[in-house]
């Protein structure tokens, strides 16, 4: 199992109940693909570098997870199918370098 960072940009026009539903669905998808969530950060509304679907802002979520390598693409594909998900980026975190003392 490797560690990954999962960055998700959601539709900025969601109300609180829709946002809670999307976060719950994302959590279930992570669990379904064998991810163990270590840390979650909600960065909230942020301005985008370029418009996505004519929106200049997005709601950002960041997850630090540990999951099997063979499930990463399946997870990203599953999350991208959601209508309110604008972007998904899964990044493999670099393991710390060991140095000789």
C-alpha atoms as a PDB file:
ATOM      1  CA  UNK A   1       0.000   0.000   0.000  1.00  0.00           C
ATOM      2  CA  UNK A   2       1.278   3.448  -0.944  1.00  0.00           C
ATOM      3  CA  UNK A   3       0.418   6.930   0.219  1.00  0.00           C
ATOM      4  CA  UNK A   4      -1.379   9.316  -2.109  1.00  0.00           C
ATOM      5  CA  UNK A   5      -2.834  12.797  -2.072  1.00  0.00           C
ATOM      6  CA  UNK A   6      -6.269  13.086  -3.651  1.00  0.00           C
ATOM      7  CA  UNK A   7      -7.209  16.622  -4.707  1.00  0.00           C
ATOM      8  CA  UNK A   8     -10.802  17.249  -5.733  1.00  0.00           C
ATOM      9  CA  UNK A   9     -12.433  20.414  -7.075  1.00  0.00           C
ATOM     10  CA  UNK A  10     -16.212  20.547  -6.696  1.00  0.00           C
ATOM     11  CA  UNK A  11     -18.849  22.743  -8.306  1.00  0.00           C
ATOM     12  CA  UNK A  12     -18.811  26.111  -6.470  1.00  0.00           C
ATOM     13  CA  UNK A  13     -22.596  26.507  -6.699  1.00  0.00           C
ATOM     14  CA  UNK A  14     -23.447  23.693  -4.265  1.00  0.00           C
ATOM     15  CA  UNK A  15     -25.424  24.463  -1.127  1.00  0.00           C
ATOM     16  CA  UNK A  16     -24.438  22.968   2.239  1.00  0.00           C
ATOM     17  CA  UNK A  17     -26.649  19.856   1.936  1.00  0.00           C
ATOM     18  CA  UNK A  18     -25.364  19.065  -1.576  1.00  0.00           C
ATOM     19  CA  UNK A  19     -21.788  19.641  -0.420  1.00  0.00           C
ATOM     20  CA  UNK A  20     -22.272  17.266   2.527  1.00  0.00           C
ATOM     21  CA  UNK A  21     -23.729  14.645   0.166  1.00  0.00           C
ATOM     22  CA  UNK A  22     -20.770  14.941  -2.234  1.00  0.00           C
ATOM     23  CA  UNK A  23     -18.277  14.585   0.637  1.00  0.00           C
ATOM     24  CA  UNK A  24     -20.138  11.512   1.881  1.00  0.00           C
ATOM     25  CA  UNK A  25     -20.113   9.950  -1.609  1.00  0.00           C
ATOM     26  CA  UNK A  26     -16.399  10.698  -1.996  1.00  0.00           C
ATOM     27  CA  UNK A  27     -15.718   9.090   1.391  1.00  0.00           C
ATOM     28  CA  UNK A  28     -17.664   5.973   0.391  1.00  0.00           C
ATOM     29  CA  UNK A  29     -15.796   5.774  -2.928  1.00  0.00           C
ATOM     30  CA  UNK A  30     -12.457   5.991  -1.126  1.00  0.00           C
ATOM     31  CA  UNK A  31     -13.545   3.215   1.227  1.00  0.00           C
ATOM     32  CA  UNK A  32     -14.860   1.067  -1.635  1.00  0.00           C
ATOM     33  CA  UNK A  33     -11.486   1.152  -3.401  1.00  0.00           C
ATOM     34  CA  UNK A  34      -9.570   0.176  -0.288  1.00  0.00           C
ATOM     35  CA  UNK A  35      -8.261   3.608   0.684  1.00  0.00           C
ATOM     36  CA  UNK A  36      -7.548   4.373   4.310  1.00  0.00           C
ATOM     37  CA  UNK A  37      -8.004   8.110   4.875  1.00  0.00           C
ATOM     38  CA  UNK A  38      -5.252   9.542   7.054  1.00  0.00           C
ATOM     39  CA  UNK A  39      -6.031  13.238   6.786  1.00  0.00           C
ATOM     40  CA  UNK A  40      -8.721  15.452   5.259  1.00  0.00           C
ATOM     41  CA  UNK A  41      -8.556  19.183   4.661  1.00  0.00           C
ATOM     42  CA  UNK A  42     -11.321  21.359   3.281  1.00  0.00           C
ATOM     43  CA  UNK A  43      -9.719  24.302   1.576  1.00  0.00           C
ATOM     44  CA  UNK A  44     -13.103  25.780   0.707  1.00  0.00           C
ATOM     45  CA  UNK A  45     -13.787  28.178  -2.134  1.00  0.00           C
ATOM     46  CA  UNK A  46     -10.721  29.126  -4.141  1.00  0.00           C
ATOM     47  CA  UNK A  47     -10.222  31.060  -7.323  1.00  0.00           C
ATOM     48  CA  UNK A  48      -9.199  28.885 -10.270  1.00  0.00           C
ATOM     49  CA  UNK A  49      -6.269  29.665 -12.550  1.00  0.00           C
ATOM     50  CA  UNK A  50      -8.565  29.171 -15.538  1.00  0.00           C
ATOM     51  CA  UNK A  51     -12.344  28.667 -15.876  1.00  0.00           C
ATOM     52  CA  UNK A  52     -13.673  25.127 -15.613  1.00  0.00           C
ATOM     53  CA  UNK A  53     -17.178  24.666 -17.029  1.00  0.00           C
ATOM     54  CA  UNK A  54     -17.490  28.498 -17.055  1.00  0.00           C
ATOM     55  CA  UNK A  55     -16.824  28.672 -13.290  1.00  0.00           C
ATOM     56  CA  UNK A  56     -13.946  30.834 -12.066  1.00  0.00           C
ATOM     57  CA  UNK A  57     -14.068  29.356  -8.560  1.00  0.00           C
ATOM     58  CA  UNK A  58     -14.201  25.867  -7.126  1.00  0.00           C
ATOM     59  CA  UNK A  59     -14.624  24.145  -3.772  1.00  0.00           C
ATOM     60  CA  UNK A  60     -11.396  22.325  -2.937  1.00  0.00           C
ATOM     61  CA  UNK A  61     -11.021  19.108  -0.919  1.00  0.00           C
ATOM     62  CA  UNK A  62      -7.686  17.445  -0.093  1.00  0.00           C
ATOM     63  CA  UNK A  63      -7.321  13.875   1.192  1.00  0.00           C
ATOM     64  CA  UNK A  64      -4.185  12.059   2.283  1.00  0.00           C
ATOM     65  CA  UNK A  65      -4.823   8.342   1.845  1.00  0.00           C
ATOM     66  CA  UNK A  66      -3.086   5.010   1.819  1.00  0.00           C
ATOM     67  CA  UNK A  67      -4.387   2.613  -0.804  1.00  0.00           C
ATOM     68  CA  UNK A  68      -3.401  -0.224  -3.155  1.00  0.00           C
ATOM     69  CA  UNK A  69      -1.578   0.934  -6.273  1.00  0.00           C
ATOM     70  CA  UNK A  70      -3.847  -1.021  -8.618  1.00  0.00           C
ATOM     71  CA  UNK A  71      -6.968   0.862  -7.447  1.00  0.00           C
ATOM     72  CA  UNK A  72      -5.789   4.444  -8.034  1.00  0.00           C
ATOM     73  CA  UNK A  73      -7.010   4.761 -11.632  1.00  0.00           C
ATOM     74  CA  UNK A  74     -10.325   3.109 -10.773  1.00  0.00           C
ATOM     75  CA  UNK A  75     -10.882   5.572  -7.920  1.00  0.00           C
ATOM     76  CA  UNK A  76     -10.095   8.585 -10.100  1.00  0.00           C
ATOM     77  CA  UNK A  77     -12.394   7.314 -12.850  1.00  0.00           C
ATOM     78  CA  UNK A  78     -15.232   6.737 -10.379  1.00  0.00           C
ATOM     79  CA  UNK A  79     -14.905  10.242  -8.902  1.00  0.00           C
ATOM     80  CA  UNK A  80     -14.786  11.893 -12.337  1.00  0.00           C
ATOM     81  CA  UNK A  81     -18.197  10.400 -13.188  1.00  0.00           C
ATOM     82  CA  UNK A  82     -19.876  12.640 -10.588  1.00  0.00           C
ATOM     83  CA  UNK A  83     -21.587  15.678 -12.125  1.00  0.00           C
ATOM     84  CA  UNK A  84     -20.487  18.040  -9.345  1.00  0.00           C
ATOM     85  CA  UNK A  85     -16.826  17.008  -9.467  1.00  0.00           C
ATOM     86  CA  UNK A  86     -14.891  19.372 -11.721  1.00  0.00           C
ATOM     87  CA  UNK A  87     -11.358  17.955 -11.356  1.00  0.00           C
ATOM     88  CA  UNK A  88      -9.653  15.000  -9.664  1.00  0.00           C
ATOM     89  CA  UNK A  89      -5.921  14.679  -9.237  1.00  0.00           C
ATOM     90  CA  UNK A  90      -4.275  11.733  -7.468  1.00  0.00           C
ATOM     91  CA  UNK A  91      -0.595  12.201  -6.651  1.00  0.00           C
ATOM     92  CA  UNK A  92       1.765   9.573  -5.270  1.00  0.00           C
ATOM     93  CA  UNK A  93       3.610  11.091  -2.306  1.00  0.00           C
ATOM     94  CA  UNK A  94       7.336  10.722  -2.242  1.00  0.00           C
ATOM     95  CA  UNK A  95       8.743   8.561   0.499  1.00  0.00           C
ATOM     96  CA  UNK A  96      11.351  10.232   2.692  1.00  0.00           C
ATOM     97  CA  UNK A  97      14.927   9.754   1.609  1.00  0.00           C
ATOM     98  CA  UNK A  98      17.110   7.713   3.914  1.00  0.00           C
ATOM     99  CA  UNK A  99      20.550   9.127   4.553  1.00  0.00           C
ATOM    100  CA  UNK A 100      23.553   7.488   6.117  1.00  0.00           C
ATOM    101  CA  UNK A 101      24.632   9.101   9.355  1.00  0.00           C
END
